[in-house]
Amino acid sequence: MSDWEYIHAHAAEMLTRLHQFTIAKQQTDGHVTFAITVKEFAVPPPGQRARFYAEADKPVNQKTAPFVPCGWGDSLAAALGDCVKLIQNFPYEGAGGVAS
């Protein structure tokens, strides 16, 4: 356990460390850059057992069933990996073509 995790006084405070990543998804008409934020909770949020939550900054699959890629995990790599897989497996179909 890292020293920062001992700072919070109450679990309800949800003290969180943020990790930032980017990935450039290659598509036929160019690439789309996604920013991914991984939240590392000092204590898992209520109802969760995992301490890491990753979420992309934009949705994918907009024309069929849009959703924002995300992932939970017991490690930063697990949460980030789940989020990246969703970005890789679904097309970005943003308005006006490809965005970066």
PDB file of N, CA and C in Angstrom:
ATOM      1  N   MET A   1       0.845  -1.173   0.000  1.00  0.00           N
ATOM      2  CA  MET A   1       0.000   0.000   0.000  1.00  0.00           C
ATOM      3  C   MET A   1       0.894   1.240   0.000  1.00  0.00           C
ATOM      4  N   SER A   2       0.594   2.191  -0.869  1.00  0.00           N
ATOM      5  CA  SER A   2       1.365   3.426  -0.963  1.00  0.00           C
ATOM      6  C   SER A   2       1.014   4.354   0.186  1.00  0.00           C
ATOM      7  N   ASP A   3       1.930   5.259   0.503  1.00  0.00           N
ATOM      8  CA  ASP A   3       1.705   6.163   1.621  1.00  0.00           C
ATOM      9  C   ASP A   3       0.519   7.107   1.404  1.00  0.00           C
ATOM     10  N   TRP A   4       0.213   7.503   0.162  1.00  0.00           N
ATOM     11  CA  TRP A   4      -0.896   8.430  -0.081  1.00  0.00           C
ATOM     12  C   TRP A   4      -2.237   7.834   0.318  1.00  0.00           C
ATOM     13  N   GLU A   5      -2.339   6.517   0.319  1.00  0.00           N
ATOM     14  CA  GLU A   5      -3.599   5.851   0.630  1.00  0.00           C
ATOM     15  C   GLU A   5      -3.971   5.966   2.110  1.00  0.00           C
ATOM     16  N   TYR A   6      -3.007   6.308   2.949  1.00  0.00           N
ATOM     17  CA  TYR A   6      -3.263   6.446   4.379  1.00  0.00           C
ATOM     18  C   TYR A   6      -3.762   7.844   4.748  1.00  0.00           C
ATOM     19  N   ILE A   7      -3.780   8.765   3.790  1.00  0.00           N
ATOM     20  CA  ILE A   7      -4.126  10.152   4.066  1.00  0.00           C
ATOM     21  C   ILE A   7      -5.606  10.345   4.352  1.00  0.00           C
ATOM     22  N   HIS A   8      -6.465   9.634   3.629  1.00  0.00           N
ATOM     23  CA  HIS A   8      -7.903   9.860   3.819  1.00  0.00           C
ATOM     24  C   HIS A   8      -8.345   9.365   5.193  1.00  0.00           C
ATOM     25  N   ALA A   9      -9.261  10.119   5.780  1.00  0.00           N
ATOM     26  CA  ALA A   9      -9.733   9.779   7.117  1.00  0.00           C
ATOM     27  C   ALA A   9     -10.954   8.865   7.070  1.00  0.00           C
ATOM     28  N   HIS A  10     -11.769   9.007   6.016  1.00  0.00           N
ATOM     29  CA  HIS A  10     -13.002   8.232   5.909  1.00  0.00           C
ATOM     30  C   HIS A  10     -13.116   7.652   4.501  1.00  0.00           C
ATOM     31  N   ALA A  11     -13.531   6.411   4.411  1.00  0.00           N
ATOM     32  CA  ALA A  11     -13.677   5.761   3.103  1.00  0.00           C
ATOM     33  C   ALA A  11     -14.657   6.520   2.212  1.00  0.00           C
ATOM     34  N   ALA A  12     -15.643   7.164   2.803  1.00  0.00           N
ATOM     35  CA  ALA A  12     -16.646   7.905   2.025  1.00  0.00           C
ATOM     36  C   ALA A  12     -16.034   9.102   1.288  1.00  0.00           C
ATOM     37  N   GLU A  13     -14.846   9.531   1.680  1.00  0.00           N
ATOM     38  CA  GLU A  13     -14.189  10.656   1.006  1.00  0.00           C
ATOM     39  C   GLU A  13     -13.722  10.288  -0.398  1.00  0.00           C
ATOM     40  N   MET A  14     -13.551   9.016  -0.661  1.00  0.00           N
ATOM     41  CA  MET A  14     -13.144   8.497  -1.971  1.00  0.00           C
ATOM     42  C   MET A  14     -11.894   9.192  -2.523  1.00  0.00           C
ATOM     43  N   LEU A  15     -10.846   9.260  -1.717  1.00  0.00           N
ATOM     44  CA  LEU A  15      -9.568   9.798  -2.177  1.00  0.00           C
ATOM     45  C   LEU A  15      -9.101   8.990  -3.376  1.00  0.00           C
ATOM     46  N   THR A  16      -8.712   9.679  -4.450  1.00  0.00           N
ATOM     47  CA  THR A  16      -8.392   9.028  -5.717  1.00  0.00           C
ATOM     48  C   THR A  16      -7.150   9.638  -6.338  1.00  0.00           C
ATOM     49  N   ARG A  17      -6.280   8.784  -6.872  1.00  0.00           N
ATOM     50  CA  ARG A  17      -5.143   9.247  -7.662  1.00  0.00           C
ATOM     51  C   ARG A  17      -5.497   9.030  -9.125  1.00  0.00           C
ATOM     52  N   LEU A  18      -5.185  10.019  -9.980  1.00  0.00           N
ATOM     53  CA  LEU A  18      -5.500   9.928 -11.400  1.00  0.00           C
ATOM     54  C   LEU A  18      -4.253   9.602 -12.210  1.00  0.00           C
ATOM     55  N   HIS A  19      -4.414   8.709 -13.176  1.00  0.00           N
ATOM     56  CA  HIS A  19      -3.351   8.354 -14.118  1.00  0.00           C
ATOM     57  C   HIS A  19      -3.880   8.687 -15.515  1.00  0.00           C
ATOM     58  N   GLN A  20      -3.092   9.341 -16.341  1.00  0.00           N
ATOM     59  CA  GLN A  20      -3.522   9.763 -17.678  1.00  0.00           C
ATOM     60  C   GLN A  20      -2.749   8.987 -18.755  1.00  0.00           C
ATOM     61  N   PHE A  21      -3.480   8.544 -19.783  1.00  0.00           N
ATOM     62  CA  PHE A  21      -2.896   7.826 -20.911  1.00  0.00           C
ATOM     63  C   PHE A  21      -3.567   8.307 -22.188  1.00  0.00           C
ATOM     64  N   THR A  22      -2.914   8.119 -23.321  1.00  0.00           N
ATOM     65  CA  THR A  22      -3.546   8.350 -24.618  1.00  0.00           C
ATOM     66  C   THR A  22      -3.239   7.166 -25.523  1.00  0.00           C
ATOM     67  N   ILE A  23      -4.147   6.943 -26.469  1.00  0.00           N
ATOM     68  CA  ILE A  23      -3.940   5.917 -27.483  1.00  0.00           C
ATOM     69  C   ILE A  23      -4.478   6.461 -28.799  1.00  0.00           C
ATOM     70  N   ALA A  24      -3.742   6.215 -29.877  1.00  0.00           N
ATOM     71  CA  ALA A  24      -4.165   6.643 -31.210  1.00  0.00           C
ATOM     72  C   ALA A  24      -4.731   5.427 -31.929  1.00  0.00           C
ATOM     73  N   LYS A  25      -6.040   5.392 -32.077  1.00  0.00           N
ATOM     74  CA  LYS A  25      -6.705   4.272 -32.754  1.00  0.00           C
ATOM     75  C   LYS A  25      -6.573   4.467 -34.257  1.00  0.00           C
ATOM     76  N   GLN A  26      -6.001   3.479 -34.933  1.00  0.00           N
ATOM     77  CA  GLN A  26      -5.840   3.533 -36.382  1.00  0.00           C
ATOM     78  C   GLN A  26      -7.123   3.080 -37.063  1.00  0.00           C
ATOM     79  N   GLN A  27      -7.591   3.887 -38.007  1.00  0.00           N
ATOM     80  CA  GLN A  27      -8.770   3.556 -38.794  1.00  0.00           C
ATOM     81  C   GLN A  27      -8.442   3.804 -40.258  1.00  0.00           C
ATOM     82  N   THR A  28      -9.302   3.356 -41.144  1.00  0.00           N
ATOM     83  CA  THR A  28      -9.019   3.473 -42.576  1.00  0.00           C
ATOM     84  C   THR A  28      -8.867   4.921 -43.029  1.00  0.00           C
ATOM     85  N   ASP A  29      -9.574   5.839 -42.391  1.00  0.00           N
ATOM     86  CA  ASP A  29      -9.512   7.239 -42.802  1.00  0.00           C
ATOM     87  C   ASP A  29      -8.648   8.102 -41.879  1.00  0.00           C
ATOM     88  N   GLY A  30      -7.765   7.491 -41.138  1.00  0.00           N
ATOM     89  CA  GLY A  30      -6.862   8.231 -40.263  1.00  0.00           C
ATOM     90  C   GLY A  30      -6.816   7.629 -38.872  1.00  0.00           C
ATOM     91  N   HIS A  31      -6.478   8.456 -37.909  1.00  0.00           N
ATOM     92  CA  HIS A  31      -6.446   7.961 -36.540  1.00  0.00           C
ATOM     93  C   HIS A  31      -7.253   8.880 -35.632  1.00  0.00           C
ATOM     94  N   VAL A  32      -7.676   8.312 -34.530  1.00  0.00           N
ATOM     95  CA  VAL A  32      -8.438   9.028 -33.513  1.00  0.00           C
ATOM     96  C   VAL A  32      -7.677   8.883 -32.202  1.00  0.00           C
ATOM     97  N   THR A  33      -7.425   9.987 -31.548  1.00  0.00           N
ATOM     98  CA  THR A  33      -6.719   9.945 -30.272  1.00  0.00           C
ATOM     99  C   THR A  33      -7.726   9.928 -29.132  1.00  0.00           C
ATOM    100  N   PHE A  34      -7.595   8.948 -28.283  1.00  0.00           N
ATOM    101  CA  PHE A  34      -8.420   8.822 -27.093  1.00  0.00           C
ATOM    102  C   PHE A  34      -7.563   9.142 -25.873  1.00  0.00           C
ATOM    103  N   ALA A  35      -8.093   9.941 -24.977  1.00  0.00           N
ATOM    104  CA  ALA A  35      -7.468  10.154 -23.672  1.00  0.00           C
ATOM    105  C   ALA A  35      -8.176   9.221 -22.691  1.00  0.00           C
ATOM    106  N   ILE A  36      -7.387   8.515 -21.899  1.00  0.00           N
ATOM    107  CA  ILE A  36      -7.942   7.580 -20.927  1.00  0.00           C
ATOM    108  C   ILE A  36      -7.489   8.013 -19.539  1.00  0.00           C
ATOM    109  N   THR A  37      -8.442   8.161 -18.647  1.00  0.00           N
ATOM    110  CA  THR A  37      -8.139   8.478 -17.255  1.00  0.00           C
ATOM    111  C   THR A  37      -8.406   7.244 -16.417  1.00  0.00           C
ATOM    112  N   VAL A  38      -7.399   6.852 -15.643  1.00  0.00           N
ATOM    113  CA  VAL A  38      -7.573   5.734 -14.718  1.00  0.00           C
ATOM    114  C   VAL A  38      -7.597   6.307 -13.308  1.00  0.00           C
ATOM    115  N   LYS A  39      -8.683   6.015 -12.605  1.00  0.00           N
ATOM    116  CA  LYS A  39      -8.816   6.440 -11.215  1.00  0.00           C
ATOM    117  C   LYS A  39      -8.359   5.299 -10.319  1.00  0.00           C
ATOM    118  N   GLU A  40      -7.429   5.595  -9.432  1.00  0.00           N
ATOM    119  CA  GLU A  40      -6.962   4.625  -8.445  1.00  0.00           C
ATOM    120  C   GLU A  40      -7.526   5.054  -7.093  1.00  0.00           C
ATOM    121  N   PHE A  41      -8.492   4.327  -6.602  1.00  0.00           N
ATOM    122  CA  PHE A  41      -9.140   4.667  -5.345  1.00  0.00           C
ATOM    123  C   PHE A  41      -8.327   4.143  -4.165  1.00  0.00           C
ATOM    124  N   ALA A  42      -8.200   4.945  -3.110  1.00  0.00           N
ATOM    125  CA  ALA A  42      -7.512   4.480  -1.901  1.00  0.00           C
ATOM    126  C   ALA A  42      -8.270   3.303  -1.303  1.00  0.00           C
ATOM    127  N   VAL A  43      -9.598   3.380  -1.366  1.00  0.00           N
ATOM    128  CA  VAL A  43     -10.494   2.314  -0.913  1.00  0.00           C
ATOM    129  C   VAL A  43     -11.528   2.138  -2.023  1.00  0.00           C
ATOM    130  N   PRO A  44     -11.836   0.918  -2.436  1.00  0.00           N
ATOM    131  CA  PRO A  44     -12.831   0.745  -3.497  1.00  0.00           C
ATOM    132  C   PRO A  44     -14.129   1.483  -3.191  1.00  0.00           C
ATOM    133  N   PRO A  45     -14.760   2.060  -4.213  1.00  0.00           N
ATOM    134  CA  PRO A  45     -16.034   2.746  -3.996  1.00  0.00           C
ATOM    135  C   PRO A  45     -17.105   1.780  -3.496  1.00  0.00           C
ATOM    136  N   PRO A  46     -18.149   2.310  -2.849  1.00  0.00           N
ATOM    137  CA  PRO A  46     -19.225   1.438  -2.361  1.00  0.00           C
ATOM    138  C   PRO A  46     -19.785   0.567  -3.488  1.00  0.00           C
ATOM    139  N   GLY A  47     -19.927  -0.707  -3.213  1.00  0.00           N
ATOM    140  CA  GLY A  47     -20.470  -1.642  -4.197  1.00  0.00           C
ATOM    141  C   GLY A  47     -19.424  -2.220  -5.145  1.00  0.00           C
ATOM    142  N   GLN A  48     -18.187  -1.801  -5.027  1.00  0.00           N
ATOM    143  CA  GLN A  48     -17.113  -2.305  -5.897  1.00  0.00           C
ATOM    144  C   GLN A  48     -16.056  -3.004  -5.060  1.00  0.00           C
ATOM    145  N   ARG A  49     -15.389  -3.947  -5.685  1.00  0.00           N
ATOM    146  CA  ARG A  49     -14.252  -4.600  -5.028  1.00  0.00           C
ATOM    147  C   ARG A  49     -12.939  -4.146  -5.640  1.00  0.00           C
ATOM    148  N   ALA A  50     -12.999  -3.679  -6.884  1.00  0.00           N
ATOM    149  CA  ALA A  50     -11.799  -3.247  -7.590  1.00  0.00           C
ATOM    150  C   ALA A  50     -11.459  -1.806  -7.227  1.00  0.00           C
ATOM    151  N   ARG A  51     -10.178  -1.493  -7.226  1.00  0.00           N
ATOM    152  CA  ARG A  51      -9.714  -0.148  -6.867  1.00  0.00           C
ATOM    153  C   ARG A  51      -9.397   0.722  -8.070  1.00  0.00           C
ATOM    154  N   PHE A  52      -9.388   0.158  -9.278  1.00  0.00           N
ATOM    155  CA  PHE A  52      -8.994   0.908 -10.466  1.00  0.00           C
ATOM    156  C   PHE A  52     -10.141   0.974 -11.462  1.00  0.00           C
ATOM    157  N   TYR A  53     -10.398   2.182 -11.971  1.00  0.00           N
ATOM    158  CA  TYR A  53     -11.451   2.386 -12.963  1.00  0.00           C
ATOM    159  C   TYR A  53     -10.892   3.250 -14.089  1.00  0.00           C
ATOM    160  N   ALA A  54     -10.966   2.751 -15.316  1.00  0.00           N
ATOM    161  CA  ALA A  54     -10.477   3.481 -16.490  1.00  0.00           C
ATOM    162  C   ALA A  54     -11.652   3.907 -17.351  1.00  0.00           C
ATOM    163  N   GLU A  55     -11.571   5.124 -17.919  1.00  0.00           N
ATOM    164  CA  GLU A  55     -12.638   5.613 -18.787  1.00  0.00           C
ATOM    165  C   GLU A  55     -12.045   6.489 -19.876  1.00  0.00           C
ATOM    166  N   ALA A  56     -12.482   6.262 -21.114  1.00  0.00           N
ATOM    167  CA  ALA A  56     -12.039   7.052 -22.259  1.00  0.00           C
ATOM    168  C   ALA A  56     -12.787   8.381 -22.284  1.00  0.00           C
ATOM    169  N   ASP A  57     -12.271   9.311 -23.093  1.00  0.00           N
ATOM    170  CA  ASP A  57     -12.866  10.647 -23.162  1.00  0.00           C
ATOM    171  C   ASP A  57     -13.935  10.797 -24.227  1.00  0.00           C
ATOM    172  N   LYS A  58     -14.144   9.774 -25.050  1.00  0.00           N
ATOM    173  CA  LYS A  58     -15.170   9.875 -26.093  1.00  0.00           C
ATOM    174  C   LYS A  58     -15.778   8.508 -26.361  1.00  0.00           C
ATOM    175  N   PRO A  59     -16.998   8.507 -26.889  1.00  0.00           N
ATOM    176  CA  PRO A  59     -17.672   7.236 -27.156  1.00  0.00           C
ATOM    177  C   PRO A  59     -17.178   6.568 -28.433  1.00  0.00           C
ATOM    178  N   VAL A  60     -17.500   5.310 -28.580  1.00  0.00           N
ATOM    179  CA  VAL A  60     -17.271   4.530 -29.800  1.00  0.00           C
ATOM    180  C   VAL A  60     -18.610   3.945 -30.229  1.00  0.00           C
ATOM    181  N   ASN A  61     -18.655   3.369 -31.438  1.00  0.00           N
ATOM    182  CA  ASN A  61     -19.831   2.659 -31.916  1.00  0.00           C
ATOM    183  C   ASN A  61     -21.068   3.566 -31.988  1.00  0.00           C
ATOM    184  N   GLN A  62     -20.849   4.844 -32.331  1.00  0.00           N
ATOM    185  CA  GLN A  62     -21.897   5.848 -32.273  1.00  0.00           C
ATOM    186  C   GLN A  62     -23.113   5.539 -33.144  1.00  0.00           C
ATOM    187  N   LYS A  63     -22.935   4.894 -34.281  1.00  0.00           N
ATOM    188  CA  LYS A  63     -24.052   4.672 -35.202  1.00  0.00           C
ATOM    189  C   LYS A  63     -24.949   3.497 -34.810  1.00  0.00           C
ATOM    190  N   THR A  64     -24.456   2.598 -33.973  1.00  0.00           N
ATOM    191  CA  THR A  64     -25.244   1.423 -33.599  1.00  0.00           C
ATOM    192  C   THR A  64     -25.734   1.519 -32.157  1.00  0.00           C
ATOM    193  N   ALA A  65     -24.826   1.460 -31.234  1.00  0.00           N
ATOM    194  CA  ALA A  65     -25.151   1.559 -29.809  1.00  0.00           C
ATOM    195  C   ALA A  65     -23.975   2.244 -29.118  1.00  0.00           C
ATOM    196  N   PRO A  66     -23.967   3.566 -29.091  1.00  0.00           N
ATOM    197  CA  PRO A  66     -22.809   4.285 -28.550  1.00  0.00           C
ATOM    198  C   PRO A  66     -22.579   4.020 -27.061  1.00  0.00           C
ATOM    199  N   PHE A  67     -21.313   3.942 -26.716  1.00  0.00           N
ATOM    200  CA  PHE A  67     -20.925   3.815 -25.313  1.00  0.00           C
ATOM    201  C   PHE A  67     -19.510   4.340 -25.144  1.00  0.00           C
ATOM    202  N   VAL A  68     -19.188   4.719 -23.923  1.00  0.00           N
ATOM    203  CA  VAL A  68     -17.845   5.193 -23.590  1.00  0.00           C
ATOM    204  C   VAL A  68     -17.053   4.002 -23.059  1.00  0.00           C
ATOM    205  N   PRO A  69     -15.922   3.674 -23.690  1.00  0.00           N
ATOM    206  CA  PRO A  69     -15.108   2.557 -23.218  1.00  0.00           C
ATOM    207  C   PRO A  69     -14.633   2.785 -21.779  1.00  0.00           C
ATOM    208  N   CYS A  70     -14.698   1.719 -20.998  1.00  0.00           N
ATOM    209  CA  CYS A  70     -14.269   1.803 -19.609  1.00  0.00           C
ATOM    210  C   CYS A  70     -13.830   0.422 -19.142  1.00  0.00           C
ATOM    211  N   GLY A  71     -13.292   0.355 -17.948  1.00  0.00           N
ATOM    212  CA  GLY A  71     -12.895  -0.928 -17.389  1.00  0.00           C
ATOM    213  C   GLY A  71     -12.586  -0.817 -15.915  1.00  0.00           C
ATOM    214  N   TRP A  72     -12.904  -1.859 -15.168  1.00  0.00           N
ATOM    215  CA  TRP A  72     -12.575  -1.977 -13.752  1.00  0.00           C
ATOM    216  C   TRP A  72     -11.502  -3.041 -13.597  1.00  0.00           C
ATOM    217  N   GLY A  73     -10.679  -2.945 -12.556  1.00  0.00           N
ATOM    218  CA  GLY A  73      -9.697  -3.982 -12.316  1.00  0.00           C
ATOM    219  C   GLY A  73      -9.032  -3.860 -10.963  1.00  0.00           C
ATOM    220  N   ASP A  74      -8.344  -4.928 -10.589  1.00  0.00           N
ATOM    221  CA  ASP A  74      -7.591  -4.939  -9.339  1.00  0.00           C
ATOM    222  C   ASP A  74      -6.228  -4.291  -9.496  1.00  0.00           C
ATOM    223  N   SER A  75      -5.870  -3.943 -10.743  1.00  0.00           N
ATOM    224  CA  SER A  75      -4.604  -3.263 -11.005  1.00  0.00           C
ATOM    225  C   SER A  75      -4.824  -2.219 -12.085  1.00  0.00           C
ATOM    226  N   LEU A  76      -3.904  -1.284 -12.167  1.00  0.00           N
ATOM    227  CA  LEU A  76      -3.971  -0.258 -13.191  1.00  0.00           C
ATOM    228  C   LEU A  76      -3.963  -0.911 -14.570  1.00  0.00           C
ATOM    229  N   ALA A  77      -3.096  -1.902 -14.762  1.00  0.00           N
ATOM    230  CA  ALA A  77      -2.989  -2.576 -16.059  1.00  0.00           C
ATOM    231  C   ALA A  77      -4.282  -3.284 -16.446  1.00  0.00           C
ATOM    232  N   ALA A  78      -4.961  -3.889 -15.492  1.00  0.00           N
ATOM    233  CA  ALA A  78      -6.209  -4.608 -15.793  1.00  0.00           C
ATOM    234  C   ALA A  78      -7.299  -3.637 -16.239  1.00  0.00           C
ATOM    235  N   ALA A  79      -7.482  -2.544 -15.509  1.00  0.00           N
ATOM    236  CA  ALA A  79      -8.518  -1.568 -15.859  1.00  0.00           C
ATOM    237  C   ALA A  79      -8.198  -0.891 -17.190  1.00  0.00           C
ATOM    238  N   LEU A  80      -6.955  -0.461 -17.359  1.00  0.00           N
ATOM    239  CA  LEU A  80      -6.537   0.182 -18.605  1.00  0.00           C
ATOM    240  C   LEU A  80      -6.660  -0.786 -19.772  1.00  0.00           C
ATOM    241  N   GLY A  81      -6.260  -2.023 -19.580  1.00  0.00           N
ATOM    242  CA  GLY A  81      -6.331  -3.030 -20.634  1.00  0.00           C
ATOM    243  C   GLY A  81      -7.747  -3.281 -21.108  1.00  0.00           C
ATOM    244  N   ASP A  82      -8.696  -3.355 -20.183  1.00  0.00           N
ATOM    245  CA  ASP A  82     -10.100  -3.552 -20.560  1.00  0.00           C
ATOM    246  C   ASP A  82     -10.621  -2.373 -21.375  1.00  0.00           C
ATOM    247  N   CYS A  83     -10.265  -1.166 -20.978  1.00  0.00           N
ATOM    248  CA  CYS A  83     -10.697   0.026 -21.693  1.00  0.00           C
ATOM    249  C   CYS A  83     -10.095   0.064 -23.102  1.00  0.00           C
ATOM    250  N   VAL A  84      -8.816  -0.226 -23.209  1.00  0.00           N
ATOM    251  CA  VAL A  84      -8.133  -0.222 -24.515  1.00  0.00           C
ATOM    252  C   VAL A  84      -8.736  -1.275 -25.442  1.00  0.00           C
ATOM    253  N   LYS A  85      -9.058  -2.449 -24.925  1.00  0.00           N
ATOM    254  CA  LYS A  85      -9.668  -3.495 -25.755  1.00  0.00           C
ATOM    255  C   LYS A  85     -10.974  -3.026 -26.371  1.00  0.00           C
ATOM    256  N   LEU A  86     -11.778  -2.318 -25.593  1.00  0.00           N
ATOM    257  CA  LEU A  86     -13.046  -1.809 -26.123  1.00  0.00           C
ATOM    258  C   LEU A  86     -12.806  -0.757 -27.206  1.00  0.00           C
ATOM    259  N   ILE A  87     -11.805   0.079 -27.010  1.00  0.00           N
ATOM    260  CA  ILE A  87     -11.461   1.072 -28.038  1.00  0.00           C
ATOM    261  C   ILE A  87     -11.017   0.366 -29.315  1.00  0.00           C
ATOM    262  N   GLN A  88     -10.225  -0.675 -29.183  1.00  0.00           N
ATOM    263  CA  GLN A  88      -9.715  -1.405 -30.346  1.00  0.00           C
ATOM    264  C   GLN A  88     -10.816  -2.193 -31.054  1.00  0.00           C
ATOM    265  N   ASN A  89     -11.785  -2.712 -30.311  1.00  0.00           N
ATOM    266  CA  ASN A  89     -12.795  -3.604 -30.883  1.00  0.00           C
ATOM    267  C   ASN A  89     -14.000  -2.909 -31.501  1.00  0.00           C
ATOM    268  N   PHE A  90     -14.189  -1.627 -31.221  1.00  0.00           N
ATOM    269  CA  PHE A  90     -15.347  -0.920 -31.749  1.00  0.00           C
ATOM    270  C   PHE A  90     -14.896   0.310 -32.532  1.00  0.00           C
ATOM    271  N   PRO A  91     -15.591   0.633 -33.618  1.00  0.00           N
ATOM    272  CA  PRO A  91     -15.191   1.770 -34.445  1.00  0.00           C
ATOM    273  C   PRO A  91     -15.547   3.097 -33.787  1.00  0.00           C
ATOM    274  N   TYR A  92     -14.735   4.098 -34.092  1.00  0.00           N
ATOM    275  CA  TYR A  92     -15.086   5.462 -33.735  1.00  0.00           C
ATOM    276  C   TYR A  92     -15.806   6.042 -34.947  1.00  0.00           C
ATOM    277  N   GLU A  93     -17.042   6.454 -34.770  1.00  0.00           N
ATOM    278  CA  GLU A  93     -17.862   6.942 -35.870  1.00  0.00           C
ATOM    279  C   GLU A  93     -18.358   8.343 -35.536  1.00  0.00           C
ATOM    280  N   GLY A  94     -17.465   9.185 -35.108  1.00  0.00           N
ATOM    281  CA  GLY A  94     -17.821  10.529 -34.658  1.00  0.00           C
ATOM    282  C   GLY A  94     -18.420  11.393 -35.739  1.00  0.00           C
ATOM    283  N   ALA A  95     -19.121  12.427 -35.311  1.00  0.00           N
ATOM    284  CA  ALA A  95     -19.758  13.363 -36.252  1.00  0.00           C
ATOM    285  C   ALA A  95     -18.694  14.067 -37.078  1.00  0.00           C
ATOM    286  N   GLY A  96     -18.937  14.162 -38.360  1.00  0.00           N
ATOM    287  CA  GLY A  96     -18.008  14.868 -39.244  1.00  0.00           C
ATOM    288  C   GLY A  96     -16.750  14.096 -39.564  1.00  0.00           C
ATOM    289  N   GLY A  97     -16.781  12.795 -39.402  1.00  0.00           N
ATOM    290  CA  GLY A  97     -15.612  11.986 -39.748  1.00  0.00           C
ATOM    291  C   GLY A  97     -14.704  11.758 -38.560  1.00  0.00           C
ATOM    292  N   VAL A  98     -13.455  11.494 -38.854  1.00  0.00           N
ATOM    293  CA  VAL A  98     -12.486  11.124 -37.833  1.00  0.00           C
ATOM    294  C   VAL A  98     -12.000  12.385 -37.126  1.00  0.00           C
ATOM    295  N   ALA A  99     -11.899  12.291 -35.816  1.00  0.00           N
ATOM    296  CA  ALA A  99     -11.372  13.393 -35.012  1.00  0.00           C
ATOM    297  C   ALA A  99     -10.091  12.952 -34.347  1.00  0.00           C
ATOM    298  N   SER A 100      -9.253  13.906 -34.023  1.00  0.00           N
ATOM    299  CA  SER A 100      -8.038  13.542 -33.285  1.00  0.00           C
ATOM    300  C   SER A 100      -7.939  14.272 -31.985  1.00  0.00           C
TER     301      SER A 100
END
